[in-house]
Amino acid sequence: MEPLWHLFFIIKVSALFFTTDNLQNIYAVTSDYKVVKYDSSGQLLHTFTNKSLGQPTSLDVSNPMKLMLYYKNFSTIVWLDNTLSEIAETQLAPIGIIQSPVACLSQDGNFWVYDEADQRLKKFDNQLHLIKDGTALQNFSDLPIQSFQLKEENQQLYLSDTSQGIFVFDQYGSFSNKIALKGITDFQVENNQLFYQKENKIQSYNFKTVETTSVTLPDSAMYFRIEAHFIYLLQQEQIAVYPY
C-alpha cells in the first residue's frame, strides 16, 4: 500500500546535494560550495566555507561528531566537528592517492578511499598509515570501475558503478559480490536494504530476499534520503520533508 504523504516542512536552499545523520540533522552543500547544517525542524544551525578547494564531492556524516568532507579534484579531506568547525585537513597526494573519485568514513573512525590508479579500496588511519589494502578489482571486472559513491554500513563496503552495478566488499576491502543494479549514482543502505531512486519511485533492494519493492515519491525530486520516519527530497531551490 502506498503511504499517504503530508508535507512536514520545507528548507529553502539551493543545494548541489544533501545528506542527513542519525540525529535527523540535515546537511546541504550549496551551489556556492558552502556546507550548511539544519536541525530536525529545519532551523539553520551552522555554516562552513572553504572556496579555495572548489566544489565538495561528498559529505559523510555517519559520525555526527566527526564529518568527512571530500574534495576529489584536490584529493583532500576536510574534517569538521558537529558545529561545522574545521578540525583538520588531510591531503592524499603525498601518500600516492591522486586518483580517488570517492571516499568514505569507516565506522571505526578511520577512512576508505578507492584508488582508481590500481583499482583497490584502501583504508587509512588519521596519520595516513595504510591499514587495509583491498583486493584488486580487475580480478572481478573486465572493465575499469567508474565509481560514483562509496559507503560503509554494517562492516561492509558498497561501491557503485552505473554501468556494472553495486560492488560489495567485506570490512577488509576484499570483494564479496556484485549486485546487478545498474544506472545508480546515489544510494542509501539501511536495515539490510539498499534504497535508490528510479524515476519518481523509491526502490528498495532487500539483501536477504534479493527482492525489490517500490514506493512512489510524494513529489518530483533530484535526490532523496530516508532517516528514521522521514523522507527528505532535494528539489529545485529547496529540501522538502515528509513523515514516512
C-alpha atoms as a PDB file:
ATOM      1  CA  MET A   1       0.000   0.000   0.000  1.00  0.00           C
ATOM      2  CA  GLU A   2       1.315   3.435  -0.932  1.00  0.00           C
ATOM      3  CA  PRO A   3       1.785   5.824   2.050  1.00  0.00           C
ATOM      4  CA  LEU A   4      -0.357   8.932   2.474  1.00  0.00           C
ATOM      5  CA  TRP A   5       2.093  11.802   2.173  1.00  0.00           C
ATOM      6  CA  HIS A   6       1.774  15.001   4.224  1.00  0.00           C
ATOM      7  CA  LEU A   7       4.378  17.737   3.880  1.00  0.00           C
ATOM      8  CA  PHE A   8       6.090  18.420   7.230  1.00  0.00           C
ATOM      9  CA  PHE A   9       8.318  21.386   6.367  1.00  0.00           C
ATOM     10  CA  ILE A  10      10.479  22.911   3.627  1.00  0.00           C
ATOM     11  CA  ILE A  11      14.023  24.288   3.787  1.00  0.00           C
ATOM     12  CA  LYS A  12      14.680  26.965   1.187  1.00  0.00           C
ATOM     13  CA  VAL A  13      18.188  26.260  -0.123  1.00  0.00           C
ATOM     14  CA  SER A  14      19.883  25.934  -3.499  1.00  0.00           C
ATOM     15  CA  ALA A  15      21.778  22.673  -2.955  1.00  0.00           C
ATOM     16  CA  LEU A  16      24.013  20.572  -5.171  1.00  0.00           C
ATOM     17  CA  PHE A  17      23.443  17.616  -2.850  1.00  0.00           C
ATOM     18  CA  PHE A  18      22.485  16.936   0.744  1.00  0.00           C
ATOM     19  CA  THR A  19      22.552  14.260   3.426  1.00  0.00           C
ATOM     20  CA  THR A  20      21.181  13.519   6.905  1.00  0.00           C
ATOM     21  CA  ASP A  21      22.573  11.998  10.081  1.00  0.00           C
ATOM     22  CA  ASN A  22      21.060   9.626  12.616  1.00  0.00           C
ATOM     23  CA  LEU A  23      20.033  12.607  14.781  1.00  0.00           C
ATOM     24  CA  GLN A  24      17.884  13.848  11.871  1.00  0.00           C
ATOM     25  CA  ASN A  25      20.097  16.855  11.241  1.00  0.00           C
ATOM     26  CA  ILE A  26      20.175  17.935   7.598  1.00  0.00           C
ATOM     27  CA  TYR A  27      23.331  18.983   5.734  1.00  0.00           C
ATOM     28  CA  ALA A  28      23.317  20.686   2.337  1.00  0.00           C
ATOM     29  CA  VAL A  29      26.223  21.542   0.039  1.00  0.00           C
ATOM     30  CA  THR A  30      25.048  24.689  -1.695  1.00  0.00           C
ATOM     31  CA  SER A  31      25.553  25.936  -5.237  1.00  0.00           C
ATOM     32  CA  ASP A  32      28.191  28.374  -3.943  1.00  0.00           C
ATOM     33  CA  TYR A  33      30.063  25.477  -2.243  1.00  0.00           C
ATOM     34  CA  LYS A  34      29.053  26.161   1.352  1.00  0.00           C
ATOM     35  CA  VAL A  35      28.096  23.430   3.807  1.00  0.00           C
ATOM     36  CA  VAL A  36      25.033  24.328   5.872  1.00  0.00           C
ATOM     37  CA  LYS A  37      23.573  22.360   8.763  1.00  0.00           C
ATOM     38  CA  TYR A  38      19.934  22.387   9.877  1.00  0.00           C
ATOM     39  CA  ASP A  39      18.335  20.737  12.891  1.00  0.00           C
ATOM     40  CA  SER A  40      15.478  18.226  12.743  1.00  0.00           C
ATOM     41  CA  SER A  41      12.911  21.029  12.477  1.00  0.00           C
ATOM     42  CA  GLY A  42      14.692  22.808   9.619  1.00  0.00           C
ATOM     43  CA  GLN A  43      16.310  25.604  11.655  1.00  0.00           C
ATOM     44  CA  LEU A  44      19.723  26.762  10.432  1.00  0.00           C
ATOM     45  CA  LEU A  45      22.481  25.857  12.892  1.00  0.00           C
ATOM     46  CA  HIS A  46      25.936  26.238  11.311  1.00  0.00           C
ATOM     47  CA  THR A  47      27.771  27.094   8.088  1.00  0.00           C
ATOM     48  CA  PHE A  48      31.188  26.158   6.702  1.00  0.00           C
ATOM     49  CA  THR A  49      33.003  27.617   3.690  1.00  0.00           C
ATOM     50  CA  ASN A  50      36.329  26.796   2.020  1.00  0.00           C
ATOM     51  CA  LYS A  51      36.180  28.080  -1.532  1.00  0.00           C
ATOM     52  CA  SER A  52      39.895  27.503  -2.131  1.00  0.00           C
ATOM     53  CA  LEU A  53      39.198  23.786  -2.666  1.00  0.00           C
ATOM     54  CA  GLY A  54      36.321  24.310  -5.082  1.00  0.00           C
ATOM     55  CA  GLN A  55      33.252  22.080  -5.125  1.00  0.00           C
ATOM     56  CA  PRO A  56      32.968  19.368  -2.457  1.00  0.00           C
ATOM     57  CA  THR A  57      32.391  15.898  -3.887  1.00  0.00           C
ATOM     58  CA  SER A  58      30.822  14.161  -0.915  1.00  0.00           C
ATOM     59  CA  LEU A  59      29.945  14.661   2.744  1.00  0.00           C
ATOM     60  CA  ASP A  60      29.933  11.678   5.105  1.00  0.00           C
ATOM     61  CA  VAL A  61      28.007  12.353   8.333  1.00  0.00           C
ATOM     62  CA  SER A  62      27.742   8.753   9.565  1.00  0.00           C
ATOM     63  CA  ASN A  63      29.509  10.041  12.705  1.00  0.00           C
ATOM     64  CA  PRO A  64      27.718  13.332  13.578  1.00  0.00           C
ATOM     65  CA  MET A  65      30.661  14.367  15.769  1.00  0.00           C
ATOM     66  CA  LYS A  66      33.260  13.959  13.000  1.00  0.00           C
ATOM     67  CA  LEU A  67      32.210  14.847   9.464  1.00  0.00           C
ATOM     68  CA  MET A  68      34.232  13.912   6.384  1.00  0.00           C
ATOM     69  CA  LEU A  69      34.061  16.477   3.573  1.00  0.00           C
ATOM     70  CA  TYR A  70      35.835  15.238   0.444  1.00  0.00           C
ATOM     71  CA  TYR A  71      37.172  17.280  -2.492  1.00  0.00           C
ATOM     72  CA  LYS A  72      38.182  14.853  -5.234  1.00  0.00           C
ATOM     73  CA  ASN A  73      39.746  17.469  -7.534  1.00  0.00           C
ATOM     74  CA  PHE A  74      42.336  18.202  -4.861  1.00  0.00           C
ATOM     75  CA  SER A  75      42.435  14.693  -3.289  1.00  0.00           C
ATOM     76  CA  THR A  76      41.760  16.431   0.018  1.00  0.00           C
ATOM     77  CA  ILE A  77      39.608  15.630   3.049  1.00  0.00           C
ATOM     78  CA  VAL A  78      38.430  18.365   5.404  1.00  0.00           C
ATOM     79  CA  TRP A  79      37.348  17.096   8.829  1.00  0.00           C
ATOM     80  CA  LEU A  80      34.593  19.038  10.602  1.00  0.00           C
ATOM     81  CA  ASP A  81      33.089  18.805  14.074  1.00  0.00           C
ATOM     82  CA  ASN A  82      29.387  18.950  14.893  1.00  0.00           C
ATOM     83  CA  THR A  83      29.413  22.771  14.641  1.00  0.00           C
ATOM     84  CA  LEU A  84      30.986  22.607  11.158  1.00  0.00           C
ATOM     85  CA  SER A  85      34.242  23.959  12.545  1.00  0.00           C
ATOM     86  CA  GLU A  86      37.318  22.611  10.778  1.00  0.00           C
ATOM     87  CA  ILE A  87      39.290  20.071  12.806  1.00  0.00           C
ATOM     88  CA  ALA A  88      41.965  19.141  10.275  1.00  0.00           C
ATOM     89  CA  GLU A  89      42.779  18.859   6.595  1.00  0.00           C
ATOM     90  CA  THR A  90      44.155  15.653   5.067  1.00  0.00           C
ATOM     91  CA  GLN A  91      45.863  15.680   1.674  1.00  0.00           C
ATOM     92  CA  LEU A  92      46.068  12.295  -0.047  1.00  0.00           C
ATOM     93  CA  ALA A  93      48.538  13.149  -2.828  1.00  0.00           C
ATOM     94  CA  PRO A  94      51.637  12.834  -0.565  1.00  0.00           C
ATOM     95  CA  ILE A  95      50.768   9.162   0.036  1.00  0.00           C
ATOM     96  CA  GLY A  96      50.261   8.476  -3.657  1.00  0.00           C
ATOM     97  CA  ILE A  97      46.454   8.733  -3.811  1.00  0.00           C
ATOM     98  CA  ILE A  98      45.956  11.120  -6.717  1.00  0.00           C
ATOM     99  CA  GLN A  99      43.055   9.404  -8.449  1.00  0.00           C
ATOM    100  CA  SER A 100      40.318   8.748  -5.930  1.00  0.00           C
ATOM    101  CA  PRO A 101      36.846   9.814  -7.059  1.00  0.00           C
ATOM    102  CA  VAL A 102      35.197   8.550  -3.859  1.00  0.00           C
ATOM    103  CA  ALA A 103      35.996   8.280  -0.157  1.00  0.00           C
ATOM    104  CA  CYS A 104      34.040   7.480   2.993  1.00  0.00           C
ATOM    105  CA  LEU A 105      34.355   7.360   6.747  1.00  0.00           C
ATOM    106  CA  SER A 106      34.841   3.974   8.366  1.00  0.00           C
ATOM    107  CA  GLN A 107      32.777   3.053  11.411  1.00  0.00           C
ATOM    108  CA  ASP A 108      35.992   2.617  13.421  1.00  0.00           C
ATOM    109  CA  GLY A 109      36.993   6.267  12.856  1.00  0.00           C
ATOM    110  CA  ASN A 110      39.414   5.639  10.005  1.00  0.00           C
ATOM    111  CA  PHE A 111      38.575   6.184   6.327  1.00  0.00           C
ATOM    112  CA  TRP A 112      38.405   4.399   2.982  1.00  0.00           C
ATOM    113  CA  VAL A 113      39.333   5.641  -0.484  1.00  0.00           C
ATOM    114  CA  TYR A 114      39.050   3.944  -3.850  1.00  0.00           C
ATOM    115  CA  ASP A 115      42.458   4.226  -5.523  1.00  0.00           C
ATOM    116  CA  GLU A 116      41.491   4.393  -9.177  1.00  0.00           C
ATOM    117  CA  ALA A 117      45.106   4.007 -10.355  1.00  0.00           C
ATOM    118  CA  ASP A 118      45.408   0.407  -9.121  1.00  0.00           C
ATOM    119  CA  GLN A 119      41.673  -0.278  -8.653  1.00  0.00           C
ATOM    120  CA  ARG A 120      41.764  -1.102  -4.960  1.00  0.00           C
ATOM    121  CA  LEU A 121      39.941   0.040  -1.861  1.00  0.00           C
ATOM    122  CA  LYS A 122      42.427   1.308   0.706  1.00  0.00           C
ATOM    123  CA  LYS A 123      41.879   2.102   4.357  1.00  0.00           C
ATOM    124  CA  PHE A 124      43.977   4.672   6.228  1.00  0.00           C
ATOM    125  CA  ASP A 125      44.120   5.979   9.766  1.00  0.00           C
ATOM    126  CA  ASN A 126      44.268   9.662  10.675  1.00  0.00           C
ATOM    127  CA  GLN A 127      48.066   9.621  10.440  1.00  0.00           C
ATOM    128  CA  LEU A 128      47.774   8.292   6.857  1.00  0.00           C
ATOM    129  CA  HIS A 129      49.124   4.855   7.723  1.00  0.00           C
ATOM    130  CA  LEU A 130      47.773   2.179   5.395  1.00  0.00           C
ATOM    131  CA  ILE A 131      45.625  -0.223   7.440  1.00  0.00           C
ATOM    132  CA  LYS A 132      43.938  -2.308   4.749  1.00  0.00           C
ATOM    133  CA  ASP A 133      44.821  -2.846   1.099  1.00  0.00           C
ATOM    134  CA  GLY A 134      41.829  -4.405  -0.638  1.00  0.00           C
ATOM    135  CA  THR A 135      41.528  -6.871  -3.493  1.00  0.00           C
ATOM    136  CA  ALA A 136      42.471  -5.671  -6.982  1.00  0.00           C
ATOM    137  CA  LEU A 137      39.166  -5.247  -8.774  1.00  0.00           C
ATOM    138  CA  GLN A 138      40.499  -6.087 -12.221  1.00  0.00           C
ATOM    139  CA  ASN A 139      40.294  -9.697 -10.981  1.00  0.00           C
ATOM    140  CA  PHE A 140      36.493  -9.407 -10.807  1.00  0.00           C
ATOM    141  CA  SER A 141      35.634  -6.956 -13.570  1.00  0.00           C
ATOM    142  CA  ASP A 142      36.592  -6.836 -17.218  1.00  0.00           C
ATOM    143  CA  LEU A 143      36.030  -3.077 -17.260  1.00  0.00           C
ATOM    144  CA  PRO A 144      37.605  -0.306 -15.152  1.00  0.00           C
ATOM    145  CA  ILE A 145      35.384   0.735 -12.256  1.00  0.00           C
ATOM    146  CA  GLN A 146      33.758   4.136 -12.804  1.00  0.00           C
ATOM    147  CA  SER A 147      32.912   4.824  -9.168  1.00  0.00           C
ATOM    148  CA  PHE A 148      30.261   7.317  -8.110  1.00  0.00           C
ATOM    149  CA  GLN A 149      29.644   6.546  -4.451  1.00  0.00           C
ATOM    150  CA  LEU A 150      31.320   4.646  -1.601  1.00  0.00           C
ATOM    151  CA  LYS A 151      29.654   3.783   1.719  1.00  0.00           C
ATOM    152  CA  GLU A 152      30.406   1.608   4.734  1.00  0.00           C
ATOM    153  CA  GLU A 153      27.473   0.084   6.602  1.00  0.00           C
ATOM    154  CA  ASN A 154      27.332  -2.899   8.977  1.00  0.00           C
ATOM    155  CA  GLN A 155      31.005  -3.710   8.360  1.00  0.00           C
ATOM    156  CA  GLN A 156      30.536  -3.895   4.610  1.00  0.00           C
ATOM    157  CA  LEU A 157      31.519  -1.519   1.832  1.00  0.00           C
ATOM    158  CA  TYR A 158      29.387  -0.609  -1.163  1.00  0.00           C
ATOM    159  CA  LEU A 159      30.882   0.911  -4.322  1.00  0.00           C
ATOM    160  CA  SER A 160      28.591   1.991  -7.162  1.00  0.00           C
ATOM    161  CA  ASP A 161      29.325   1.849 -10.890  1.00  0.00           C
ATOM    162  CA  THR A 162      26.499   2.983 -13.159  1.00  0.00           C
ATOM    163  CA  SER A 163      27.363   0.558 -15.959  1.00  0.00           C
ATOM    164  CA  GLN A 164      28.142  -2.513 -13.818  1.00  0.00           C
ATOM    165  CA  GLY A 165      26.171  -2.305 -10.569  1.00  0.00           C
ATOM    166  CA  ILE A 166      26.984  -2.172  -6.845  1.00  0.00           C
ATOM    167  CA  PHE A 167      30.217  -3.891  -5.773  1.00  0.00           C
ATOM    168  CA  VAL A 168      30.122  -5.234  -2.207  1.00  0.00           C
ATOM    169  CA  PHE A 169      33.226  -5.764  -0.047  1.00  0.00           C
ATOM    170  CA  ASP A 170      33.854  -7.057   3.455  1.00  0.00           C
ATOM    171  CA  GLN A 171      35.369  -4.980   6.255  1.00  0.00           C
ATOM    172  CA  TYR A 172      38.872  -5.755   4.965  1.00  0.00           C
ATOM    173  CA  GLY A 173      38.232  -4.431   1.460  1.00  0.00           C
ATOM    174  CA  SER A 174      38.025  -7.898  -0.081  1.00  0.00           C
ATOM    175  CA  PHE A 175      35.495  -8.360  -2.858  1.00  0.00           C
ATOM    176  CA  SER A 176      32.342 -10.197  -1.789  1.00  0.00           C
ATOM    177  CA  ASN A 177      29.789  -9.957  -4.591  1.00  0.00           C
ATOM    178  CA  LYS A 178      28.186  -7.657  -7.145  1.00  0.00           C
ATOM    179  CA  ILE A 179      24.538  -6.549  -7.148  1.00  0.00           C
ATOM    180  CA  ALA A 180      23.312  -6.138 -10.709  1.00  0.00           C
ATOM    181  CA  LEU A 181      21.582  -2.784 -10.176  1.00  0.00           C
ATOM    182  CA  LYS A 182      22.839  -0.517 -12.945  1.00  0.00           C
ATOM    183  CA  GLY A 183      22.424   3.183 -13.538  1.00  0.00           C
ATOM    184  CA  ILE A 184      22.643   4.089  -9.831  1.00  0.00           C
ATOM    185  CA  THR A 185      24.742   7.093  -8.841  1.00  0.00           C
ATOM    186  CA  ASP A 186      23.202   7.740  -5.425  1.00  0.00           C
ATOM    187  CA  PHE A 187      22.045   5.113  -2.923  1.00  0.00           C
ATOM    188  CA  GLN A 188      21.499   4.519   0.782  1.00  0.00           C
ATOM    189  CA  VAL A 189      21.957   1.357   2.865  1.00  0.00           C
ATOM    190  CA  GLU A 190      19.723   0.878   5.916  1.00  0.00           C
ATOM    191  CA  ASN A 191      18.367  -2.179   7.761  1.00  0.00           C
ATOM    192  CA  ASN A 192      19.583  -4.802   5.263  1.00  0.00           C
ATOM    193  CA  GLN A 193      18.126  -2.834   2.380  1.00  0.00           C
ATOM    194  CA  LEU A 194      19.586  -0.735  -0.386  1.00  0.00           C
ATOM    195  CA  PHE A 195      17.467   2.273  -1.366  1.00  0.00           C
ATOM    196  CA  TYR A 196      17.802   4.118  -4.649  1.00  0.00           C
ATOM    197  CA  GLN A 197      15.698   6.312  -6.894  1.00  0.00           C
ATOM    198  CA  LYS A 198      14.282   5.284 -10.259  1.00  0.00           C
ATOM    199  CA  GLU A 199      12.245   7.981 -11.949  1.00  0.00           C
ATOM    200  CA  ASN A 200       9.605   9.019  -9.374  1.00  0.00           C
ATOM    201  CA  LYS A 201       9.895   5.927  -7.162  1.00  0.00           C
ATOM    202  CA  ILE A 202      11.991   4.796  -4.210  1.00  0.00           C
ATOM    203  CA  GLN A 203      13.295   1.334  -4.984  1.00  0.00           C
ATOM    204  CA  SER A 204      14.232  -0.929  -2.085  1.00  0.00           C
ATOM    205  CA  TYR A 205      16.508  -3.931  -2.674  1.00  0.00           C
ATOM    206  CA  ASN A 206      16.461  -6.490   0.149  1.00  0.00           C
ATOM    207  CA  PHE A 207      19.856  -8.156   0.658  1.00  0.00           C
ATOM    208  CA  LYS A 208      18.329 -11.252   2.261  1.00  0.00           C
ATOM    209  CA  THR A 209      15.410 -11.968  -0.068  1.00  0.00           C
ATOM    210  CA  VAL A 210      17.016 -10.387  -3.186  1.00  0.00           C
ATOM    211  CA  GLU A 211      13.629  -8.812  -3.906  1.00  0.00           C
ATOM    212  CA  THR A 212      12.931  -5.241  -4.986  1.00  0.00           C
ATOM    213  CA  THR A 213       9.908  -3.217  -3.896  1.00  0.00           C
ATOM    214  CA  SER A 214       8.988   0.367  -4.730  1.00  0.00           C
ATOM    215  CA  VAL A 215       7.112   3.336  -3.303  1.00  0.00           C
ATOM    216  CA  THR A 216       6.003   6.367  -5.333  1.00  0.00           C
ATOM    217  CA  LEU A 217       7.580   9.630  -4.183  1.00  0.00           C
ATOM    218  CA  PRO A 218       5.211  12.353  -2.951  1.00  0.00           C
ATOM    219  CA  ASP A 219       6.711  14.816  -5.446  1.00  0.00           C
ATOM    220  CA  SER A 220       9.457  15.038  -8.052  1.00  0.00           C
ATOM    221  CA  ALA A 221      12.985  15.103  -6.656  1.00  0.00           C
ATOM    222  CA  MET A 222      16.607  15.059  -7.753  1.00  0.00           C
ATOM    223  CA  TYR A 223      17.756  13.083  -4.704  1.00  0.00           C
ATOM    224  CA  PHE A 224      16.190  11.632  -1.575  1.00  0.00           C
ATOM    225  CA  ARG A 225      17.158  10.426   1.879  1.00  0.00           C
ATOM    226  CA  ILE A 226      15.343   8.248   4.406  1.00  0.00           C
ATOM    227  CA  GLU A 227      16.104   8.854   8.083  1.00  0.00           C
ATOM    228  CA  ALA A 228      14.091   7.429  11.000  1.00  0.00           C
ATOM    229  CA  HIS A 229      10.465   8.009   9.976  1.00  0.00           C
ATOM    230  CA  PHE A 230      11.051  10.802   7.495  1.00  0.00           C
ATOM    231  CA  ILE A 231      11.844  11.122   3.815  1.00  0.00           C
ATOM    232  CA  TYR A 232      13.813  14.108   2.542  1.00  0.00           C
ATOM    233  CA  LEU A 233      13.568  15.268  -1.077  1.00  0.00           C
ATOM    234  CA  LEU A 234      16.010  17.560  -2.848  1.00  0.00           C
ATOM    235  CA  GLN A 235      14.055  19.747  -5.238  1.00  0.00           C
ATOM    236  CA  GLN A 236      14.691  22.958  -7.137  1.00  0.00           C
ATOM    237  CA  GLU A 237      15.806  25.560  -4.558  1.00  0.00           C
ATOM    238  CA  GLN A 238      14.516  23.549  -1.570  1.00  0.00           C
ATOM    239  CA  ILE A 239      14.531  20.392   0.547  1.00  0.00           C
ATOM    240  CA  ALA A 240      11.065  19.021   1.341  1.00  0.00           C
ATOM    241  CA  VAL A 241      10.499  16.783   4.382  1.00  0.00           C
ATOM    242  CA  TYR A 242       7.658  14.275   4.758  1.00  0.00           C
ATOM    243  CA  PRO A 243       6.795  11.791   7.541  1.00  0.00           C
ATOM    244  CA  TYR A 244       7.342   8.271   6.178  1.00  0.00           C
END
